[in-house]
Amino acid sequence: MAIDIQEKRIDGVDLREHGKDAHGKTIHSDQRLYMQLLVFTGLSDIQRSLFYGELEKEGISGALYASLHDPNGIGLLTTSEDPQFFVTQLIDFLQDSPFRGLKCRPEWTMVGRTYSIGYEQDLNETLIERPRRYVCNPEWPWAIWYPVRRSGDFESLSAEERRKILMEHGGIGLAYGRSDHAHDIRLACHGLDQNDNDFVIGILGKKLHPLSALIERMRKTQQTSRYLTNLGPFFVGHVLWQTQLP
C-alpha cells in the first residue's frame, strides 16, 4: 500500500521504501516481497513429477529447481509479501506433501526481502511485480542464488565514493540484462541470514554460461574485489516447475 508523502512517524523511524516519481517528488511504499530458498536432498526414491501438482494445488508462488551439485537434490524458492507465510502455511505444506520424505539442508537456506534504492518511479514494479516475473519467467530456466556480505570499510566511504563503486557494479549488470544474457534479483537479508550476510543475489537467464561469466566479470569490480568479505554458498539450479503468471 502506498503511503502519502506527508505522513510522519512520531518516533522518527521511517521503514517505508522510497522512490521518486517522474517529477522528482519522493514517493513511498510499505510493501515488499520476501523470498526463501530451501534446498533438499534424498530425491532418488520419489518421482519429481509428484511435486508439481502439489505446488499448484497449494497455490505456492515461486519455482522448483533441479540442483546442479546434487543429483538427488532440489531447491524450492517461494515468495510472499507476508513473512508469516514461511513459518505457517509453507511449513504445513512441506510436512504434508512429498517434501516430507526429503532431507532439508538448512546450511543452504537463503531468505531476503526486496528493497528500493531511492530513485525508482514505480515501487510496485520494483518491489513486487518484477521480482515475481523474473522468478517465474519460463524463458529463464537457469538460476544461481548466493548470499554476500560487505565489509565495514565500504560503509565508511563517502556517499560519492559508494555511488561510483555501485555504478560500476550496476552498469555491468544492466549491460547483461539489456542483451538478455542475465537478469538479477537483489534481496536484503540483514538480520535474516543465519551467517550474517547482507544480501541475497539471484542471477537468472536462458543459458548457464552467461550467468557464470557475469559473476566472473563482477569479481573485477571494486565492490567485489575490495569490499565484499563473503560470497556463497552458490546454489545452481535448472527449473523443474514455475508458477504460471497471468
C-alpha atoms as a PDB file:
ATOM      1  CA  MET A   1       0.000   0.000   0.000  1.00  0.00           C
ATOM      2  CA  ALA A   2       1.423   3.371  -0.997  1.00  0.00           C
ATOM      3  CA  ILE A   3       1.760   5.927   1.766  1.00  0.00           C
ATOM      4  CA  ASP A   4       1.202   9.641   1.337  1.00  0.00           C
ATOM      5  CA  ILE A   5       4.368  11.738   1.402  1.00  0.00           C
ATOM      6  CA  GLN A   6       3.015  13.888   4.238  1.00  0.00           C
ATOM      7  CA  GLU A   7       2.695  11.022   6.708  1.00  0.00           C
ATOM      8  CA  LYS A   8       5.154  11.362   9.597  1.00  0.00           C
ATOM      9  CA  ARG A   9       6.097   8.893  12.292  1.00  0.00           C
ATOM     10  CA  ILE A  10       6.135  10.343  15.797  1.00  0.00           C
ATOM     11  CA  ASP A  11       9.098   8.160  16.776  1.00  0.00           C
ATOM     12  CA  GLY A  12      11.133   9.349  13.789  1.00  0.00           C
ATOM     13  CA  VAL A  13      11.517   5.838  12.365  1.00  0.00           C
ATOM     14  CA  ASP A  14      10.671   5.542   8.667  1.00  0.00           C
ATOM     15  CA  LEU A  15      10.518   1.923   7.463  1.00  0.00           C
ATOM     16  CA  ARG A  16       8.995   2.674   4.074  1.00  0.00           C
ATOM     17  CA  GLU A  17      10.636   2.027   0.722  1.00  0.00           C
ATOM     18  CA  HIS A  18      11.460   5.245  -1.150  1.00  0.00           C
ATOM     19  CA  GLY A  19      11.435   6.252  -4.803  1.00  0.00           C
ATOM     20  CA  LYS A  20      10.873   9.330  -6.971  1.00  0.00           C
ATOM     21  CA  ASP A  21       8.084   9.988  -9.448  1.00  0.00           C
ATOM     22  CA  ALA A  22       8.559  11.479 -12.926  1.00  0.00           C
ATOM     23  CA  HIS A  23       8.593  14.995 -11.426  1.00  0.00           C
ATOM     24  CA  GLY A  24      11.252  14.201  -8.830  1.00  0.00           C
ATOM     25  CA  LYS A  25       8.811  14.072  -5.928  1.00  0.00           C
ATOM     26  CA  THR A  26       9.550  11.463  -3.266  1.00  0.00           C
ATOM     27  CA  ILE A  27       7.151   8.524  -3.211  1.00  0.00           C
ATOM     28  CA  HIS A  28       6.815   5.750  -0.640  1.00  0.00           C
ATOM     29  CA  SER A  29       5.544   2.228  -0.279  1.00  0.00           C
ATOM     30  CA  ASP A  30       5.189  -0.067   2.723  1.00  0.00           C
ATOM     31  CA  GLN A  31       5.107  -3.192   0.528  1.00  0.00           C
ATOM     32  CA  ARG A  32       7.977  -5.596  -0.131  1.00  0.00           C
ATOM     33  CA  LEU A  33       8.360  -9.168  -1.291  1.00  0.00           C
ATOM     34  CA  TYR A  34      10.084 -11.834   0.765  1.00  0.00           C
ATOM     35  CA  MET A  35      11.813 -14.789  -0.887  1.00  0.00           C
ATOM     36  CA  GLN A  36      13.109 -18.000   0.642  1.00  0.00           C
ATOM     37  CA  LEU A  37      15.205 -20.752  -0.930  1.00  0.00           C
ATOM     38  CA  LEU A  38      15.061 -24.158   0.755  1.00  0.00           C
ATOM     39  CA  VAL A  39      17.327 -26.936  -0.510  1.00  0.00           C
ATOM     40  CA  PHE A  40      16.514 -30.637  -0.120  1.00  0.00           C
ATOM     41  CA  THR A  41      18.247 -33.918  -0.909  1.00  0.00           C
ATOM     42  CA  GLY A  42      17.156 -37.571  -1.000  1.00  0.00           C
ATOM     43  CA  LEU A  43      15.046 -37.401  -4.145  1.00  0.00           C
ATOM     44  CA  SER A  44      16.138 -40.759  -5.573  1.00  0.00           C
ATOM     45  CA  ASP A  45      13.113 -42.769  -4.437  1.00  0.00           C
ATOM     46  CA  ILE A  46      10.484 -40.154  -5.292  1.00  0.00           C
ATOM     47  CA  GLN A  47       9.252 -39.110  -8.718  1.00  0.00           C
ATOM     48  CA  ARG A  48       9.841 -35.399  -9.227  1.00  0.00           C
ATOM     49  CA  SER A  49       6.511 -35.030 -11.031  1.00  0.00           C
ATOM     50  CA  LEU A  50       4.713 -35.685  -7.728  1.00  0.00           C
ATOM     51  CA  PHE A  51       5.808 -32.266  -6.534  1.00  0.00           C
ATOM     52  CA  TYR A  52       4.375 -30.231  -9.377  1.00  0.00           C
ATOM     53  CA  GLY A  53       0.706 -30.943  -8.747  1.00  0.00           C
ATOM     54  CA  GLU A  54       1.122 -30.392  -5.006  1.00  0.00           C
ATOM     55  CA  LEU A  55       2.713 -26.993  -5.551  1.00  0.00           C
ATOM     56  CA  GLU A  56      -0.045 -25.966  -7.960  1.00  0.00           C
ATOM     57  CA  LYS A  57      -2.780 -27.182  -5.630  1.00  0.00           C
ATOM     58  CA  GLU A  58      -1.360 -25.288  -2.668  1.00  0.00           C
ATOM     59  CA  GLY A  59      -1.070 -22.077  -4.700  1.00  0.00           C
ATOM     60  CA  ILE A  60       2.652 -21.715  -3.977  1.00  0.00           C
ATOM     61  CA  SER A  61       4.302 -18.745  -5.724  1.00  0.00           C
ATOM     62  CA  GLY A  62       7.838 -19.435  -6.886  1.00  0.00           C
ATOM     63  CA  ALA A  63       9.961 -22.060  -8.611  1.00  0.00           C
ATOM     64  CA  LEU A  64      11.312 -25.563  -8.112  1.00  0.00           C
ATOM     65  CA  TYR A  65      14.866 -26.258  -9.300  1.00  0.00           C
ATOM     66  CA  ALA A  66      16.913 -29.358 -10.030  1.00  0.00           C
ATOM     67  CA  SER A  67      20.282 -28.944  -8.303  1.00  0.00           C
ATOM     68  CA  LEU A  68      23.424 -28.862 -10.453  1.00  0.00           C
ATOM     69  CA  HIS A  69      25.532 -30.032  -7.500  1.00  0.00           C
ATOM     70  CA  ASP A  70      23.365 -32.859  -6.162  1.00  0.00           C
ATOM     71  CA  PRO A  71      21.723 -35.447  -8.461  1.00  0.00           C
ATOM     72  CA  ASN A  72      19.245 -36.171  -5.676  1.00  0.00           C
ATOM     73  CA  GLY A  73      18.722 -32.510  -4.756  1.00  0.00           C
ATOM     74  CA  ILE A  74      16.130 -29.836  -5.460  1.00  0.00           C
ATOM     75  CA  GLY A  75      15.685 -26.215  -4.434  1.00  0.00           C
ATOM     76  CA  LEU A  76      12.316 -24.673  -3.638  1.00  0.00           C
ATOM     77  CA  LEU A  77      12.120 -20.887  -3.999  1.00  0.00           C
ATOM     78  CA  THR A  78       8.925 -19.379  -2.589  1.00  0.00           C
ATOM     79  CA  THR A  79       7.719 -15.775  -2.444  1.00  0.00           C
ATOM     80  CA  SER A  80       5.247 -13.910  -0.255  1.00  0.00           C
ATOM     81  CA  GLU A  81       4.529 -10.357   0.843  1.00  0.00           C
ATOM     82  CA  ASP A  82       3.794 -11.724   4.331  1.00  0.00           C
ATOM     83  CA  PRO A  83       6.829 -13.309   6.039  1.00  0.00           C
ATOM     84  CA  GLN A  84       4.489 -15.260   8.321  1.00  0.00           C
ATOM     85  CA  PHE A  85       3.700 -17.434   5.283  1.00  0.00           C
ATOM     86  CA  PHE A  86       7.103 -19.142   5.596  1.00  0.00           C
ATOM     87  CA  VAL A  87       6.543 -20.236   9.210  1.00  0.00           C
ATOM     88  CA  THR A  88       2.870 -21.211   8.875  1.00  0.00           C
ATOM     89  CA  GLN A  89       1.386 -22.182   5.509  1.00  0.00           C
ATOM     90  CA  LEU A  90       4.685 -23.230   3.933  1.00  0.00           C
ATOM     91  CA  ILE A  91       5.723 -25.380   6.903  1.00  0.00           C
ATOM     92  CA  ASP A  92       2.314 -27.074   6.970  1.00  0.00           C
ATOM     93  CA  PHE A  93       2.614 -27.751   3.237  1.00  0.00           C
ATOM     94  CA  LEU A  94       6.123 -29.202   3.498  1.00  0.00           C
ATOM     95  CA  GLN A  95       5.066 -31.540   6.305  1.00  0.00           C
ATOM     96  CA  ASP A  96       2.018 -32.805   4.404  1.00  0.00           C
ATOM     97  CA  SER A  97       3.400 -33.290   0.872  1.00  0.00           C
ATOM     98  CA  PRO A  98       6.103 -35.330  -0.903  1.00  0.00           C
ATOM     99  CA  PHE A  99       8.673 -32.922   0.577  1.00  0.00           C
ATOM    100  CA  ARG A 100       8.299 -34.663   3.938  1.00  0.00           C
ATOM    101  CA  GLY A 101      10.292 -37.613   2.556  1.00  0.00           C
ATOM    102  CA  LEU A 102      13.291 -35.426   1.757  1.00  0.00           C
ATOM    103  CA  LYS A 103      16.111 -34.136   3.927  1.00  0.00           C
ATOM    104  CA  CYS A 104      16.305 -30.361   4.238  1.00  0.00           C
ATOM    105  CA  ARG A 105      19.778 -28.840   4.080  1.00  0.00           C
ATOM    106  CA  PRO A 106      19.475 -25.676   6.231  1.00  0.00           C
ATOM    107  CA  GLU A 107      23.075 -24.645   5.526  1.00  0.00           C
ATOM    108  CA  TRP A 108      21.858 -23.745   2.017  1.00  0.00           C
ATOM    109  CA  THR A 109      18.774 -21.810   3.150  1.00  0.00           C
ATOM    110  CA  MET A 110      18.591 -18.227   1.879  1.00  0.00           C
ATOM    111  CA  VAL A 111      15.979 -15.619   2.723  1.00  0.00           C
ATOM    112  CA  GLY A 112      15.685 -11.924   1.921  1.00  0.00           C
ATOM    113  CA  ARG A 113      13.369  -9.031   1.086  1.00  0.00           C
ATOM    114  CA  THR A 114      13.122  -6.711  -1.895  1.00  0.00           C
ATOM    115  CA  TYR A 115      14.158  -3.102  -1.358  1.00  0.00           C
ATOM    116  CA  SER A 116      14.364   0.178  -3.238  1.00  0.00           C
ATOM    117  CA  ILE A 117      17.442   2.330  -3.842  1.00  0.00           C
ATOM    118  CA  GLY A 118      15.544   5.614  -3.779  1.00  0.00           C
ATOM    119  CA  TYR A 119      15.122   6.688  -7.396  1.00  0.00           C
ATOM    120  CA  GLU A 120      12.606   4.100  -8.714  1.00  0.00           C
ATOM    121  CA  GLN A 121       9.489   5.633 -10.295  1.00  0.00           C
ATOM    122  CA  ASP A 122       7.288   2.535  -9.911  1.00  0.00           C
ATOM    123  CA  LEU A 123       7.782   0.970  -6.497  1.00  0.00           C
ATOM    124  CA  ASN A 124       5.193  -1.753  -7.028  1.00  0.00           C
ATOM    125  CA  GLU A 125       7.034  -2.856 -10.165  1.00  0.00           C
ATOM    126  CA  THR A 126      10.418  -2.752  -8.402  1.00  0.00           C
ATOM    127  CA  LEU A 127       9.396  -4.382  -5.140  1.00  0.00           C
ATOM    128  CA  ILE A 128       6.666  -6.854  -6.135  1.00  0.00           C
ATOM    129  CA  GLU A 129       5.896  -7.405  -9.799  1.00  0.00           C
ATOM    130  CA  ARG A 130       9.344  -7.559 -11.428  1.00  0.00           C
ATOM    131  CA  PRO A 131      10.938  -9.983  -8.935  1.00  0.00           C
ATOM    132  CA  ARG A 132       7.971 -12.355  -9.258  1.00  0.00           C
ATOM    133  CA  ARG A 133       8.065 -12.072 -13.038  1.00  0.00           C
ATOM    134  CA  TYR A 134      11.792 -12.829 -13.124  1.00  0.00           C
ATOM    135  CA  VAL A 135      11.481 -15.939 -10.947  1.00  0.00           C
ATOM    136  CA  CYS A 136       8.546 -17.259 -12.974  1.00  0.00           C
ATOM    137  CA  ASN A 137       9.810 -16.472 -16.480  1.00  0.00           C
ATOM    138  CA  PRO A 138       9.781 -19.779 -18.446  1.00  0.00           C
ATOM    139  CA  GLU A 139      12.410 -18.384 -20.833  1.00  0.00           C
ATOM    140  CA  TRP A 140      14.963 -18.130 -17.982  1.00  0.00           C
ATOM    141  CA  PRO A 141      15.305 -21.689 -16.645  1.00  0.00           C
ATOM    142  CA  TRP A 142      18.814 -21.339 -15.188  1.00  0.00           C
ATOM    143  CA  ALA A 143      19.359 -19.704 -11.801  1.00  0.00           C
ATOM    144  CA  ILE A 144      22.286 -19.029  -9.486  1.00  0.00           C
ATOM    145  CA  TRP A 145      21.431 -17.904  -5.934  1.00  0.00           C
ATOM    146  CA  TYR A 146      24.041 -16.805  -3.406  1.00  0.00           C
ATOM    147  CA  PRO A 147      24.473 -14.539  -0.349  1.00  0.00           C
ATOM    148  CA  VAL A 148      27.098 -11.792   0.010  1.00  0.00           C
ATOM    149  CA  ARG A 149      28.432  -9.691   2.865  1.00  0.00           C
ATOM    150  CA  ARG A 150      30.032  -6.254   2.557  1.00  0.00           C
ATOM    151  CA  SER A 151      32.968  -5.170   4.666  1.00  0.00           C
ATOM    152  CA  GLY A 152      32.631  -2.373   7.181  1.00  0.00           C
ATOM    153  CA  ASP A 153      35.133  -0.379   5.123  1.00  0.00           C
ATOM    154  CA  PHE A 154      32.506   0.173   2.432  1.00  0.00           C
ATOM    155  CA  GLU A 155      30.134   1.879   4.853  1.00  0.00           C
ATOM    156  CA  SER A 156      32.920   4.214   5.988  1.00  0.00           C
ATOM    157  CA  LEU A 157      33.332   5.612   2.459  1.00  0.00           C
ATOM    158  CA  SER A 158      31.710   8.884   1.464  1.00  0.00           C
ATOM    159  CA  ALA A 159      28.350   8.815  -0.292  1.00  0.00           C
ATOM    160  CA  GLU A 160      30.004   9.842  -3.558  1.00  0.00           C
ATOM    161  CA  GLU A 161      32.622   7.083  -3.329  1.00  0.00           C
ATOM    162  CA  ARG A 162      29.946   4.473  -2.615  1.00  0.00           C
ATOM    163  CA  ARG A 163      27.867   5.753  -5.539  1.00  0.00           C
ATOM    164  CA  LYS A 164      30.756   5.376  -8.011  1.00  0.00           C
ATOM    165  CA  ILE A 165      31.544   1.872  -6.826  1.00  0.00           C
ATOM    166  CA  LEU A 166      27.903   0.787  -7.072  1.00  0.00           C
ATOM    167  CA  MET A 167      27.531   2.384 -10.510  1.00  0.00           C
ATOM    168  CA  GLU A 168      30.467   0.361 -11.841  1.00  0.00           C
ATOM    169  CA  HIS A 169      28.956  -2.835 -10.481  1.00  0.00           C
ATOM    170  CA  GLY A 170      25.417  -1.977 -11.582  1.00  0.00           C
ATOM    171  CA  GLY A 171      26.466  -0.921 -15.074  1.00  0.00           C
ATOM    172  CA  ILE A 172      27.784  -4.394 -15.815  1.00  0.00           C
ATOM    173  CA  GLY A 173      24.538  -5.955 -14.636  1.00  0.00           C
ATOM    174  CA  LEU A 174      22.488  -3.591 -16.788  1.00  0.00           C
ATOM    175  CA  ALA A 175      24.542  -4.494 -19.881  1.00  0.00           C
ATOM    176  CA  TYR A 176      23.934  -8.211 -19.344  1.00  0.00           C
ATOM    177  CA  GLY A 177      20.245  -7.546 -18.752  1.00  0.00           C
ATOM    178  CA  ARG A 178      19.762  -5.414 -21.876  1.00  0.00           C
ATOM    179  CA  SER A 179      21.321  -8.142 -24.009  1.00  0.00           C
ATOM    180  CA  ASP A 180      19.109 -10.770 -22.297  1.00  0.00           C
ATOM    181  CA  HIS A 181      22.154 -12.728 -21.119  1.00  0.00           C
ATOM    182  CA  ALA A 182      21.425 -12.476 -17.393  1.00  0.00           C
ATOM    183  CA  HIS A 183      18.932 -10.796 -15.076  1.00  0.00           C
ATOM    184  CA  ASP A 184      19.384 -10.139 -11.365  1.00  0.00           C
ATOM    185  CA  ILE A 185      17.222 -10.058  -8.253  1.00  0.00           C
ATOM    186  CA  ARG A 186      18.644  -8.232  -5.238  1.00  0.00           C
ATOM    187  CA  LEU A 187      17.335  -9.015  -1.759  1.00  0.00           C
ATOM    188  CA  ALA A 188      18.372  -7.504   1.566  1.00  0.00           C
ATOM    189  CA  CYS A 189      18.880 -10.078   4.312  1.00  0.00           C
ATOM    190  CA  HIS A 190      20.271  -8.008   7.198  1.00  0.00           C
ATOM    191  CA  GLY A 191      19.444  -9.870  10.401  1.00  0.00           C
ATOM    192  CA  LEU A 192      17.620 -12.569   8.412  1.00  0.00           C
ATOM    193  CA  ASP A 193      20.622 -14.570   7.212  1.00  0.00           C
ATOM    194  CA  GLN A 194      21.955 -17.255   9.536  1.00  0.00           C
ATOM    195  CA  ASN A 195      25.553 -16.368   8.609  1.00  0.00           C
ATOM    196  CA  ASP A 196      25.205 -12.580   8.974  1.00  0.00           C
ATOM    197  CA  ASN A 197      25.238 -11.840   5.241  1.00  0.00           C
ATOM    198  CA  ASP A 198      23.809  -8.571   3.928  1.00  0.00           C
ATOM    199  CA  PHE A 199      22.260  -9.522   0.583  1.00  0.00           C
ATOM    200  CA  VAL A 200      20.956 -12.486  -1.382  1.00  0.00           C
ATOM    201  CA  ILE A 201      21.527 -12.296  -5.142  1.00  0.00           C
ATOM    202  CA  GLY A 202      19.673 -14.257  -7.813  1.00  0.00           C
ATOM    203  CA  ILE A 203      21.073 -14.384 -11.358  1.00  0.00           C
ATOM    204  CA  LEU A 204      18.586 -15.783 -13.904  1.00  0.00           C
ATOM    205  CA  GLY A 205      18.813 -16.457 -17.625  1.00  0.00           C
ATOM    206  CA  LYS A 206      18.374 -18.676 -20.665  1.00  0.00           C
ATOM    207  CA  LYS A 207      21.806 -20.315 -20.505  1.00  0.00           C
ATOM    208  CA  LEU A 208      24.198 -21.122 -17.683  1.00  0.00           C
ATOM    209  CA  HIS A 209      27.425 -19.792 -19.191  1.00  0.00           C
ATOM    210  CA  PRO A 210      26.385 -16.076 -19.255  1.00  0.00           C
ATOM    211  CA  LEU A 211      25.393 -16.306 -15.580  1.00  0.00           C
ATOM    212  CA  SER A 212      28.801 -17.675 -14.661  1.00  0.00           C
ATOM    213  CA  ALA A 213      30.512 -15.121 -16.926  1.00  0.00           C
ATOM    214  CA  LEU A 214      28.650 -12.263 -15.243  1.00  0.00           C
ATOM    215  CA  ILE A 215      29.777 -13.380 -11.792  1.00  0.00           C
ATOM    216  CA  GLU A 216      33.339 -13.720 -13.116  1.00  0.00           C
ATOM    217  CA  ARG A 217      33.177 -10.194 -14.549  1.00  0.00           C
ATOM    218  CA  MET A 218      31.832  -8.821 -11.277  1.00  0.00           C
ATOM    219  CA  ARG A 219      34.859 -10.228  -9.431  1.00  0.00           C
ATOM    220  CA  LYS A 220      36.959  -7.488 -11.052  1.00  0.00           C
ATOM    221  CA  THR A 221      34.850  -4.590  -9.782  1.00  0.00           C
ATOM    222  CA  GLN A 222      35.917  -2.558  -6.768  1.00  0.00           C
ATOM    223  CA  GLN A 223      32.865  -3.645  -4.798  1.00  0.00           C
ATOM    224  CA  THR A 224      33.625  -7.358  -5.152  1.00  0.00           C
ATOM    225  CA  SER A 225      37.417  -7.282  -5.109  1.00  0.00           C
ATOM    226  CA  ARG A 226      37.790  -4.824  -2.218  1.00  0.00           C
ATOM    227  CA  TYR A 227      34.559  -4.543  -0.257  1.00  0.00           C
ATOM    228  CA  LEU A 228      32.928  -7.983  -0.162  1.00  0.00           C
ATOM    229  CA  THR A 229      34.096 -10.299   2.606  1.00  0.00           C
ATOM    230  CA  ASN A 230      31.920 -13.285   1.726  1.00  0.00           C
ATOM    231  CA  LEU A 231      30.227 -14.788  -1.342  1.00  0.00           C
ATOM    232  CA  GLY A 232      28.278 -18.039  -1.320  1.00  0.00           C
ATOM    233  CA  PRO A 233      27.487 -20.796  -0.938  1.00  0.00           C
ATOM    234  CA  PHE A 234      26.205 -20.885  -4.509  1.00  0.00           C
ATOM    235  CA  PHE A 235      23.051 -22.803  -5.389  1.00  0.00           C
ATOM    236  CA  VAL A 236      22.863 -23.517  -9.122  1.00  0.00           C
ATOM    237  CA  GLY A 237      19.572 -24.853 -10.415  1.00  0.00           C
ATOM    238  CA  HIS A 238      17.520 -25.540 -13.520  1.00  0.00           C
ATOM    239  CA  VAL A 239      13.759 -25.043 -13.403  1.00  0.00           C
ATOM    240  CA  LEU A 240      11.542 -28.078 -12.917  1.00  0.00           C
ATOM    241  CA  TRP A 241       8.394 -26.063 -12.184  1.00  0.00           C
ATOM    242  CA  GLN A 242       7.373 -22.392 -12.011  1.00  0.00           C
ATOM    243  CA  THR A 243       4.237 -20.520 -11.053  1.00  0.00           C
ATOM    244  CA  GLN A 244       2.349 -19.575 -14.205  1.00  0.00           C
ATOM    245  CA  LEU A 245       1.736 -15.851 -14.073  1.00  0.00           C
ATOM    246  CA  PRO A 246      -1.158 -14.201 -15.978  1.00  0.00           C
END
